[in-house]
């Protein structure tokens, strides 16, 4: 039996802004920024329709800036019963050099969540490295339920701080279930480096299903890193549709939000994560 969470990183244009501003004339790279904004403008809606048809709930990790600028789709995500979780404010490469600076980024995001959807996030997929003190402070907050930003485990467990196990759950985010790695393409700036061709969609779907079959075999906890700017496109969204069909036919995989899986883990499971 495996636990599986559909996770979508609704980055919008934040990640593209971060990339292009480092290049000469990057502010004029309209195409790459529009690739990102396809996610909140169109892709997320396609995915929500698919999830509704198959009665699946998902977790959306959303930068605070996108929550602010794209309130309509964010409210729809929340209204349809999906989880909204932390993903930086501007999808930052750095939250700052001190714990206070890092906590300020998180607090700013949480304030935006409260303003737009009425509650703070309980889960974190941070876009930059957190200092140990920052993690300590987050783990000490009773509202912190889980992190989904480690890839060195399969089953998940509880975060350990200074050798001591906390009650904060660690949910692995394996790269094999990241659509960005398999289907992203942008001519300039070149993403991926070297501009490898986009993988055939049948192969991508097969890869994902094999990972889920393996998770069921070993009893793992699995989360995805799908991006509405990619997986929400009309053709690529069929991968998600077929994946939902596969999940509906597989009784060995429990599909739930990250919050639901983490709360289940806290009812008596033990682990080694952190």
Foldseek 3Di string as FASTA:
>chain_A
DEEEAEEAELQQQLVVCVVQVVDVVSVPPVVSNVLSNCQLVFQLVLLVVLCVVLVFAHEYAYALCCCVVRLVSVQVNVVVPHHYAHEWNSLDQDQDDDLVSNVVRQVSSQVSCCVRNNGGHQEDQYSYDDDLVNVVVLLVDPSRAEYAHAAPDWAWFAADRPNHGGLHTYAYEHPLQEQQVAADADDVVGPPVVGDHHDPLVVSLVSVVVVVVVCLVVHTYYYHHYYSSTCSPPVNVVSVSVVSVVVVVDPSYHYHYPNVVSVVCSVDHHDDHD
